[in-house]
PDB file of N, CA and C in Angstrom:
ATOM      1  N   MET A   1       0.860  -1.222   0.251  1.00  0.00           N
ATOM      2  CA  MET A   1      -0.058   0.062   0.119  1.00  0.00           C
ATOM      3  C   MET A   1       0.927   1.279  -0.336  1.00  0.00           C
ATOM      4  N   LYS A   2       1.833   1.552   0.662  1.00  0.00           N
ATOM      5  CA  LYS A   2       2.844   2.506   0.796  1.00  0.00           C
ATOM      6  C   LYS A   2       3.413   2.414  -0.271  1.00  0.00           C
ATOM      7  N   LEU A   3       3.778   1.372  -1.062  1.00  0.00           N
ATOM      8  CA  LEU A   3       4.595   1.656  -2.364  1.00  0.00           C
ATOM      9  C   LEU A   3       3.655   2.083  -3.414  1.00  0.00           C
ATOM     10  N   THR A   4       2.432   1.788  -3.438  1.00  0.00           N
ATOM     11  CA  THR A   4       1.629   2.068  -4.352  1.00  0.00           C
ATOM     12  C   THR A   4       1.323   3.666  -4.521  1.00  0.00           C
ATOM     13  N   ALA A   5       1.391   4.169  -3.099  1.00  0.00           N
ATOM     14  CA  ALA A   5       0.958   5.725  -2.757  1.00  0.00           C
ATOM     15  C   ALA A   5       2.251   6.323  -3.102  1.00  0.00           C
ATOM     16  N   PHE A   6       3.420   5.849  -2.820  1.00  0.00           N
ATOM     17  CA  PHE A   6       4.852   6.517  -3.213  1.00  0.00           C
ATOM     18  C   PHE A   6       4.804   6.529  -4.486  1.00  0.00           C
ATOM     19  N   ILE A   7       4.533   5.764  -5.426  1.00  0.00           N
ATOM     20  CA  ILE A   7       4.304   5.561  -6.802  1.00  0.00           C
ATOM     21  C   ILE A   7       3.545   6.620  -7.564  1.00  0.00           C
ATOM     22  N   LEU A   8       2.245   6.704  -6.968  1.00  0.00           N
ATOM     23  CA  LEU A   8       0.929   7.741  -7.396  1.00  0.00           C
ATOM     24  C   LEU A   8       1.612   8.948  -7.240  1.00  0.00           C
ATOM     25  N   SER A   9       2.336   9.103  -5.942  1.00  0.00           N
ATOM     26  CA  SER A   9       2.772  10.451  -5.901  1.00  0.00           C
ATOM     27  C   SER A   9       3.597  11.090  -6.753  1.00  0.00           C
ATOM     28  N   LEU A  10       4.521  10.053  -7.312  1.00  0.00           N
ATOM     29  CA  LEU A  10       5.587  10.282  -8.162  1.00  0.00           C
ATOM     30  C   LEU A  10       5.132  10.821  -9.526  1.00  0.00           C
ATOM     31  N   LEU A  11       4.077  10.157  -9.686  1.00  0.00           N
ATOM     32  CA  LEU A  11       3.496   9.991 -11.090  1.00  0.00           C
ATOM     33  C   LEU A  11       2.742  11.550 -10.953  1.00  0.00           C
ATOM     34  N   ILE A  12       2.100  11.928 -10.058  1.00  0.00           N
ATOM     35  CA  ILE A  12       1.896  13.152 -10.020  1.00  0.00           C
ATOM     36  C   ILE A  12       2.759  14.197  -9.944  1.00  0.00           C
ATOM     37  N   VAL A  13       3.449  14.146  -9.262  1.00  0.00           N
ATOM     38  CA  VAL A  13       4.587  15.264  -9.236  1.00  0.00           C
ATOM     39  C   VAL A  13       5.080  15.433 -10.645  1.00  0.00           C
ATOM     40  N   GLY A  14       5.513  14.226 -11.156  1.00  0.00           N
ATOM     41  CA  GLY A  14       6.205  14.228 -12.844  1.00  0.00           C
ATOM     42  C   GLY A  14       5.135  14.750 -13.591  1.00  0.00           C
ATOM     43  N   ALA A  15       3.623  14.543 -13.568  1.00  0.00           N
ATOM     44  CA  ALA A  15       2.993  15.000 -14.791  1.00  0.00           C
ATOM     45  C   ALA A  15       2.857  16.653 -14.338  1.00  0.00           C
ATOM     46  N   ALA A  16       3.048  17.151 -13.217  1.00  0.00           N
ATOM     47  CA  ALA A  16       2.854  18.509 -12.982  1.00  0.00           C
ATOM     48  C   ALA A  16       4.036  19.177 -13.563  1.00  0.00           C
ATOM     49  N   GLN A  17       5.041  18.274 -13.239  1.00  0.00           N
ATOM     50  CA  GLN A  17       6.617  18.966 -13.807  1.00  0.00           C
ATOM     51  C   GLN A  17       6.214  19.155 -15.306  1.00  0.00           C
ATOM     52  N   ALA A  18       5.905  18.012 -15.772  1.00  0.00           N
ATOM     53  CA  ALA A  18       5.987  17.942 -17.329  1.00  0.00           C
ATOM     54  C   ALA A  18       5.085  18.862 -17.900  1.00  0.00           C
ATOM     55  N   GLN A  19       4.204  19.392 -17.510  1.00  0.00           N
ATOM     56  CA  GLN A  19       3.028  20.268 -17.830  1.00  0.00           C
ATOM     57  C   GLN A  19       3.753  21.915 -17.943  1.00  0.00           C
ATOM     58  N   GLU A  20       4.515  21.850 -17.363  1.00  0.00           N
ATOM     59  CA  GLU A  20       5.159  23.328 -17.213  1.00  0.00           C
ATOM     60  C   GLU A  20       5.921  23.820 -18.404  1.00  0.00           C
ATOM     61  N   PRO A  21       5.302  24.584 -19.130  1.00  0.00           N
ATOM     62  CA  PRO A  21       5.837  25.201 -20.541  1.00  0.00           C
ATOM     63  C   PRO A  21       7.288  25.956 -20.237  1.00  0.00           C
ATOM     64  N   ARG A  22       8.011  26.028 -21.098  1.00  0.00           N
ATOM     65  CA  ARG A  22       9.170  26.590 -21.037  1.00  0.00           C
ATOM     66  C   ARG A  22       9.045  27.909 -22.017  1.00  0.00           C
ATOM     67  N   LEU A  23       8.916  29.160 -21.391  1.00  0.00           N
ATOM     68  CA  LEU A  23       8.965  30.056 -22.643  1.00  0.00           C
ATOM     69  C   LEU A  23      10.239  30.623 -22.977  1.00  0.00           C
ATOM     70  N   ALA A  24      10.087  31.143 -24.284  1.00  0.00           N
ATOM     71  CA  ALA A  24      11.246  31.857 -24.750  1.00  0.00           C
ATOM     72  C   ALA A  24      11.236  33.306 -24.363  1.00  0.00           C
ATOM     73  N   THR A  25      12.742  33.733 -24.018  1.00  0.00           N
ATOM     74  CA  THR A  25      12.712  35.086 -23.198  1.00  0.00           C
ATOM     75  C   THR A  25      12.673  35.909 -24.918  1.00  0.00           C
ATOM     76  N   LEU A  26      12.499  37.154 -24.576  1.00  0.00           N
ATOM     77  CA  LEU A  26      12.399  38.123 -25.864  1.00  0.00           C
ATOM     78  C   LEU A  26      13.800  38.179 -26.379  1.00  0.00           C
ATOM     79  N   ALA A  27      14.996  37.927 -25.784  1.00  0.00           N
ATOM     80  CA  ALA A  27      16.174  37.786 -26.418  1.00  0.00           C
ATOM     81  C   ALA A  27      16.232  36.592 -27.433  1.00  0.00           C
ATOM     82  N   GLN A  28      15.848  35.647 -26.914  1.00  0.00           N
ATOM     83  CA  GLN A  28      15.792  34.389 -27.769  1.00  0.00           C
ATOM     84  C   GLN A  28      14.930  34.325 -28.972  1.00  0.00           C
ATOM     85  N   GLN A  29      14.007  35.017 -28.653  1.00  0.00           N
ATOM     86  CA  GLN A  29      12.773  35.354 -29.889  1.00  0.00           C
ATOM     87  C   GLN A  29      13.506  36.381 -30.721  1.00  0.00           C
ATOM     88  N   LYS A  30      14.199  37.180 -30.566  1.00  0.00           N
ATOM     89  CA  LYS A  30      14.949  38.178 -31.513  1.00  0.00           C
ATOM     90  C   LYS A  30      16.115  37.427 -32.010  1.00  0.00           C
ATOM     91  N   MET A  31      16.771  36.835 -31.411  1.00  0.00           N
ATOM     92  CA  MET A  31      17.872  36.008 -31.748  1.00  0.00           C
ATOM     93  C   MET A  31      17.415  34.942 -33.189  1.00  0.00           C
ATOM     94  N   CYS A  32      16.131  34.425 -32.436  1.00  0.00           N
ATOM     95  CA  CYS A  32      15.903  33.440 -33.681  1.00  0.00           C
ATOM     96  C   CYS A  32      15.358  33.879 -35.155  1.00  0.00           C
ATOM     97  N   GLY A  33      14.515  35.185 -34.634  1.00  0.00           N
ATOM     98  CA  GLY A  33      13.980  36.027 -35.693  1.00  0.00           C
ATOM     99  C   GLY A  33      15.012  36.289 -36.671  1.00  0.00           C
ATOM    100  N   GLU A  34      16.220  37.169 -36.125  1.00  0.00           N
ATOM    101  CA  GLU A  34      17.306  37.434 -36.953  1.00  0.00           C
ATOM    102  C   GLU A  34      18.061  36.310 -37.722  1.00  0.00           C
ATOM    103  N   GLN A  35      17.939  35.407 -37.242  1.00  0.00           N
ATOM    104  CA  GLN A  35      18.807  33.885 -38.002  1.00  0.00           C
ATOM    105  C   GLN A  35      17.886  33.696 -38.885  1.00  0.00           C
ATOM    106  N   ALA A  36      16.347  33.525 -38.751  1.00  0.00           N
ATOM    107  CA  ALA A  36      15.129  33.046 -39.622  1.00  0.00           C
ATOM    108  C   ALA A  36      15.454  33.940 -40.905  1.00  0.00           C
ATOM    109  N   ARG A  37      15.684  35.421 -40.520  1.00  0.00           N
ATOM    110  CA  ARG A  37      15.876  36.153 -41.802  1.00  0.00           C
ATOM    111  C   ARG A  37      17.129  36.114 -42.640  1.00  0.00           C
ATOM    112  N   LYS A  38      18.034  36.032 -41.954  1.00  0.00           N
ATOM    113  CA  LYS A  38      19.451  35.524 -42.630  1.00  0.00           C
ATOM    114  C   LYS A  38      19.334  34.141 -43.343  1.00  0.00           C
ATOM    115  N   PHE A  39      18.763  33.283 -42.937  1.00  0.00           N
ATOM    116  CA  PHE A  39      18.429  31.954 -43.340  1.00  0.00           C
ATOM    117  C   PHE A  39      17.462  32.375 -44.813  1.00  0.00           C
ATOM    118  N   PHE A  40      16.229  33.116 -45.071  1.00  0.00           N
ATOM    119  CA  PHE A  40      15.477  33.376 -45.690  1.00  0.00           C
ATOM    120  C   PHE A  40      16.082  34.145 -46.710  1.00  0.00           C
ATOM    121  N   LEU A  41      17.439  35.127 -46.346  1.00  0.00           N
ATOM    122  CA  LEU A  41      17.909  36.058 -47.343  1.00  0.00           C
ATOM    123  C   LEU A  41      19.131  35.567 -48.052  1.00  0.00           C
ATOM    124  N   ASP A  42      19.596  34.288 -47.473  1.00  0.00           N
ATOM    125  CA  ASP A  42      20.793  33.766 -47.767  1.00  0.00           C
ATOM    126  C   ASP A  42      20.825  33.748 -49.564  1.00  0.00           C
ATOM    127  N   PRO A  43      21.921  34.632 -50.393  1.00  0.00           N
ATOM    128  CA  PRO A  43      21.872  34.719 -51.398  1.00  0.00           C
ATOM    129  C   PRO A  43      22.431  33.248 -51.996  1.00  0.00           C
ATOM    130  N   CYS A  44      23.147  32.701 -51.343  1.00  0.00           N
ATOM    131  CA  CYS A  44      24.042  31.134 -51.838  1.00  0.00           C
ATOM    132  C   CYS A  44      23.023  30.379 -52.185  1.00  0.00           C
ATOM    133  N   ASP A  45      21.919  30.153 -51.484  1.00  0.00           N
ATOM    134  CA  ASP A  45      21.136  29.169 -51.818  1.00  0.00           C
ATOM    135  C   ASP A  45      20.053  29.277 -52.753  1.00  0.00           C
ATOM    136  N   GLY A  46      20.032  30.627 -53.367  1.00  0.00           N
ATOM    137  CA  GLY A  46      19.030  30.842 -54.741  1.00  0.00           C
ATOM    138  C   GLY A  46      17.730  30.300 -54.359  1.00  0.00           C
ATOM    139  N   HIS A  47      16.776  30.765 -53.600  1.00  0.00           N
ATOM    140  CA  HIS A  47      15.566  30.601 -53.230  1.00  0.00           C
ATOM    141  C   HIS A  47      14.646  31.408 -53.955  1.00  0.00           C
ATOM    142  N   LYS A  48      14.534  31.686 -55.375  1.00  0.00           N
ATOM    143  CA  LYS A  48      14.027  32.368 -55.897  1.00  0.00           C
ATOM    144  C   LYS A  48      12.403  32.269 -55.538  1.00  0.00           C
ATOM    145  N   ASP A  49      11.950  31.406 -55.296  1.00  0.00           N
ATOM    146  CA  ASP A  49      10.605  30.653 -55.067  1.00  0.00           C
ATOM    147  C   ASP A  49      10.096  31.260 -53.887  1.00  0.00           C
ATOM    148  N   TRP A  50      10.909  31.295 -52.868  1.00  0.00           N
ATOM    149  CA  TRP A  50      10.516  31.784 -51.583  1.00  0.00           C
ATOM    150  C   TRP A  50       9.872  32.913 -51.295  1.00  0.00           C
ATOM    151  N   SER A  51       8.478  32.958 -50.677  1.00  0.00           N
ATOM    152  CA  SER A  51       7.882  34.313 -50.943  1.00  0.00           C
ATOM    153  C   SER A  51       7.723  34.933 -49.383  1.00  0.00           C
ATOM    154  N   GLU A  52       7.990  34.223 -48.728  1.00  0.00           N
ATOM    155  CA  GLU A  52       7.622  34.577 -47.137  1.00  0.00           C
ATOM    156  C   GLU A  52       8.560  33.730 -46.199  1.00  0.00           C
ATOM    157  N   TYR A  53       8.825  34.400 -44.681  1.00  0.00           N
ATOM    158  CA  TYR A  53       9.193  33.349 -43.826  1.00  0.00           C
ATOM    159  C   TYR A  53       8.314  33.793 -42.425  1.00  0.00           C
ATOM    160  N   THR A  54       8.532  32.552 -41.514  1.00  0.00           N
ATOM    161  CA  THR A  54       7.917  32.859 -40.091  1.00  0.00           C
ATOM    162  C   THR A  54       8.750  32.185 -39.285  1.00  0.00           C
ATOM    163  N   SER A  55       9.503  32.999 -38.070  1.00  0.00           N
ATOM    164  CA  SER A  55      10.379  32.265 -37.569  1.00  0.00           C
ATOM    165  C   SER A  55       9.458  31.927 -35.965  1.00  0.00           C
ATOM    166  N   HIS A  56       9.780  30.294 -35.214  1.00  0.00           N
ATOM    167  CA  HIS A  56       9.484  30.587 -34.018  1.00  0.00           C
ATOM    168  C   HIS A  56      10.490  29.660 -33.153  1.00  0.00           C
ATOM    169  N   TYR A  57      10.687  30.220 -31.992  1.00  0.00           N
ATOM    170  CA  TYR A  57      11.617  29.692 -31.092  1.00  0.00           C
ATOM    171  C   TYR A  57      11.068  28.724 -29.835  1.00  0.00           C
ATOM    172  N   ASP A  58      11.494  27.539 -30.123  1.00  0.00           N
ATOM    173  CA  ASP A  58      10.997  26.160 -29.266  1.00  0.00           C
ATOM    174  C   ASP A  58      11.816  26.296 -28.052  1.00  0.00           C
ATOM    175  N   ALA A  59      11.573  26.902 -26.658  1.00  0.00           N
ATOM    176  CA  ALA A  59      12.555  26.928 -25.729  1.00  0.00           C
ATOM    177  C   ALA A  59      12.566  25.512 -25.252  1.00  0.00           C
ATOM    178  N   LYS A  60      11.641  24.758 -25.208  1.00  0.00           N
ATOM    179  CA  LYS A  60      11.972  23.473 -24.834  1.00  0.00           C
ATOM    180  C   LYS A  60      13.184  22.588 -25.374  1.00  0.00           C
ATOM    181  N   LEU A  61      12.897  22.652 -26.671  1.00  0.00           N
ATOM    182  CA  LEU A  61      13.827  22.039 -27.178  1.00  0.00           C
ATOM    183  C   LEU A  61      15.213  22.742 -27.841  1.00  0.00           C
ATOM    184  N   ASN A  62      15.187  24.189 -27.498  1.00  0.00           N
ATOM    185  CA  ASN A  62      16.312  25.023 -27.791  1.00  0.00           C
ATOM    186  C   ASN A  62      16.370  24.978 -29.339  1.00  0.00           C
ATOM    187  N   VAL A  63      15.206  25.095 -30.220  1.00  0.00           N
ATOM    188  CA  VAL A  63      15.529  25.164 -31.601  1.00  0.00           C
ATOM    189  C   VAL A  63      14.649  26.161 -32.029  1.00  0.00           C
ATOM    190  N   CYS A  64      15.367  26.782 -33.146  1.00  0.00           N
ATOM    191  CA  CYS A  64      14.896  27.937 -34.212  1.00  0.00           C
ATOM    192  C   CYS A  64      14.491  27.555 -35.260  1.00  0.00           C
ATOM    193  N   TYR A  65      12.905  27.511 -35.494  1.00  0.00           N
ATOM    194  CA  TYR A  65      12.442  27.191 -36.356  1.00  0.00           C
ATOM    195  C   TYR A  65      12.227  28.189 -37.181  1.00  0.00           C
ATOM    196  N   VAL A  66      12.487  27.978 -38.787  1.00  0.00           N
ATOM    197  CA  VAL A  66      11.897  28.744 -40.008  1.00  0.00           C
ATOM    198  C   VAL A  66      11.023  28.256 -40.785  1.00  0.00           C
ATOM    199  N   MET A  67       9.938  28.490 -41.023  1.00  0.00           N
ATOM    200  CA  MET A  67       8.732  28.144 -42.158  1.00  0.00           C
ATOM    201  C   MET A  67       8.808  29.054 -43.416  1.00  0.00           C
ATOM    202  N   ILE A  68       8.982  28.596 -44.297  1.00  0.00           N
ATOM    203  CA  ILE A  68       9.205  29.140 -45.628  1.00  0.00           C
ATOM    204  C   ILE A  68       7.952  28.919 -46.449  1.00  0.00           C
ATOM    205  N   ARG A  69       7.329  29.687 -47.184  1.00  0.00           N
ATOM    206  CA  ARG A  69       6.391  29.527 -48.073  1.00  0.00           C
ATOM    207  C   ARG A  69       7.361  29.564 -49.366  1.00  0.00           C
ATOM    208  N   VAL A  70       6.520  28.569 -50.235  1.00  0.00           N
ATOM    209  CA  VAL A  70       6.988  28.705 -51.561  1.00  0.00           C
ATOM    210  C   VAL A  70       5.946  28.931 -52.366  1.00  0.00           C
ATOM    211  N   ASP A  71       5.964  29.635 -53.479  1.00  0.00           N
ATOM    212  CA  ASP A  71       4.850  29.790 -54.286  1.00  0.00           C
ATOM    213  C   ASP A  71       5.562  29.468 -55.816  1.00  0.00           C
ATOM    214  N   SER A  72       5.004  28.441 -56.726  1.00  0.00           N
ATOM    215  CA  SER A  72       5.358  27.919 -57.644  1.00  0.00           C
ATOM    216  C   SER A  72       4.192  28.225 -58.882  1.00  0.00           C
ATOM    217  N   TYR A  73       4.841  28.400 -59.963  1.00  0.00           N
ATOM    218  CA  TYR A  73       3.728  28.501 -61.140  1.00  0.00           C
ATOM    219  C   TYR A  73       4.439  27.726 -62.340  1.00  0.00           C
ATOM    220  N   LEU A  74       3.264  26.945 -62.777  1.00  0.00           N
ATOM    221  CA  LEU A  74       3.782  26.298 -64.119  1.00  0.00           C
ATOM    222  C   LEU A  74       3.779  26.907 -65.344  1.00  0.00           C
ATOM    223  N   ASN A  75       3.545  28.172 -65.398  1.00  0.00           N
ATOM    224  CA  ASN A  75       3.289  28.895 -66.735  1.00  0.00           C
ATOM    225  C   ASN A  75       4.019  30.136 -66.311  1.00  0.00           C
ATOM    226  N   LYS A  76       4.503  30.960 -67.712  1.00  0.00           N
ATOM    227  CA  LYS A  76       5.169  32.058 -67.385  1.00  0.00           C
ATOM    228  C   LYS A  76       4.237  33.208 -66.889  1.00  0.00           C
ATOM    229  N   GLN A  77       2.955  33.155 -67.240  1.00  0.00           N
ATOM    230  CA  GLN A  77       1.887  34.321 -67.190  1.00  0.00           C
ATOM    231  C   GLN A  77       1.515  34.165 -65.819  1.00  0.00           C
ATOM    232  N   HIS A  78       1.843  33.462 -64.514  1.00  0.00           N
ATOM    233  CA  HIS A  78       1.435  33.386 -63.162  1.00  0.00           C
ATOM    234  C   HIS A  78       0.201  33.257 -63.109  1.00  0.00           C
ATOM    235  N   SER A  79      -0.818  32.389 -63.849  1.00  0.00           N
ATOM    236  CA  SER A  79      -2.236  32.323 -63.756  1.00  0.00           C
ATOM    237  C   SER A  79      -2.249  31.598 -62.522  1.00  0.00           C
ATOM    238  N   PRO A  80      -3.600  31.616 -61.927  1.00  0.00           N
ATOM    239  CA  PRO A  80      -4.147  30.848 -61.077  1.00  0.00           C
ATOM    240  C   PRO A  80      -4.287  29.559 -60.982  1.00  0.00           C
ATOM    241  N   GLU A  81      -4.398  29.207 -62.074  1.00  0.00           N
ATOM    242  CA  GLU A  81      -4.838  27.835 -62.337  1.00  0.00           C
ATOM    243  C   GLU A  81      -3.776  26.812 -62.132  1.00  0.00           C
ATOM    244  N   PHE A  82      -2.266  27.519 -62.232  1.00  0.00           N
ATOM    245  CA  PHE A  82      -1.077  26.674 -62.295  1.00  0.00           C
ATOM    246  C   PHE A  82      -0.196  27.114 -61.166  1.00  0.00           C
ATOM    247  N   HIS A  83      -0.978  27.418 -60.351  1.00  0.00           N
ATOM    248  CA  HIS A  83      -0.223  27.934 -59.092  1.00  0.00           C
ATOM    249  C   HIS A  83      -0.307  26.878 -57.817  1.00  0.00           C
ATOM    250  N   SER A  84       0.881  26.741 -57.212  1.00  0.00           N
ATOM    251  CA  SER A  84       0.968  25.629 -56.270  1.00  0.00           C
ATOM    252  C   SER A  84       1.516  26.279 -55.209  1.00  0.00           C
ATOM    253  N   ILE A  85       1.664  26.186 -53.659  1.00  0.00           N
ATOM    254  CA  ILE A  85       2.010  26.864 -52.375  1.00  0.00           C
ATOM    255  C   ILE A  85       2.255  25.623 -51.731  1.00  0.00           C
ATOM    256  N   ALA A  86       3.706  25.610 -51.182  1.00  0.00           N
ATOM    257  CA  ALA A  86       4.181  24.760 -50.416  1.00  0.00           C
ATOM    258  C   ALA A  86       4.771  25.286 -49.299  1.00  0.00           C
ATOM    259  N   PHE A  87       4.839  24.903 -47.976  1.00  0.00           N
ATOM    260  CA  PHE A  87       5.602  25.374 -46.872  1.00  0.00           C
ATOM    261  C   PHE A  87       6.673  24.238 -46.233  1.00  0.00           C
ATOM    262  N   MET A  88       7.625  24.836 -46.170  1.00  0.00           N
ATOM    263  CA  MET A  88       8.660  23.792 -45.564  1.00  0.00           C
ATOM    264  C   MET A  88       9.225  24.520 -44.312  1.00  0.00           C
ATOM    265  N   VAL A  89       9.688  23.496 -43.135  1.00  0.00           N
ATOM    266  CA  VAL A  89      10.075  24.148 -42.045  1.00  0.00           C
ATOM    267  C   VAL A  89      11.630  23.574 -41.917  1.00  0.00           C
ATOM    268  N   PHE A  90      12.417  24.436 -41.274  1.00  0.00           N
ATOM    269  CA  PHE A  90      13.589  24.312 -41.043  1.00  0.00           C
ATOM    270  C   PHE A  90      14.545  24.632 -40.093  1.00  0.00           C
ATOM    271  N   ASP A  91      15.239  24.020 -39.351  1.00  0.00           N
ATOM    272  CA  ASP A  91      15.951  24.646 -38.379  1.00  0.00           C
ATOM    273  C   ASP A  91      16.981  25.711 -38.988  1.00  0.00           C
ATOM    274  N   ALA A  92      16.523  26.978 -38.228  1.00  0.00           N
ATOM    275  CA  ALA A  92      17.229  28.285 -38.935  1.00  0.00           C
ATOM    276  C   ALA A  92      18.738  28.166 -39.019  1.00  0.00           C
ATOM    277  N   PHE A  93      19.475  27.412 -37.963  1.00  0.00           N
ATOM    278  CA  PHE A  93      20.847  27.322 -37.605  1.00  0.00           C
ATOM    279  C   PHE A  93      21.410  26.188 -38.412  1.00  0.00           C
TER     280      PHE A  93
END
């Protein structure tokens, strides 16, 4: 009985700690935003179809994500019938 109560209390404490979100500081968010911009604008990669980006810093995993929107057209007139949109997510570093 004591062992069951001990294990149950460990599970409750562990679950409470697991639910605490880590929040990114403003400095971390700023650093991530700057790195995402560099990644997006890097001229060496030649990302001519990339149209916009969004950054997100995950404090729990310590990862800076950048989501890129890619607009592609299958014809030179850029008609909507031949337009495709894709989203890609990268580690900005």
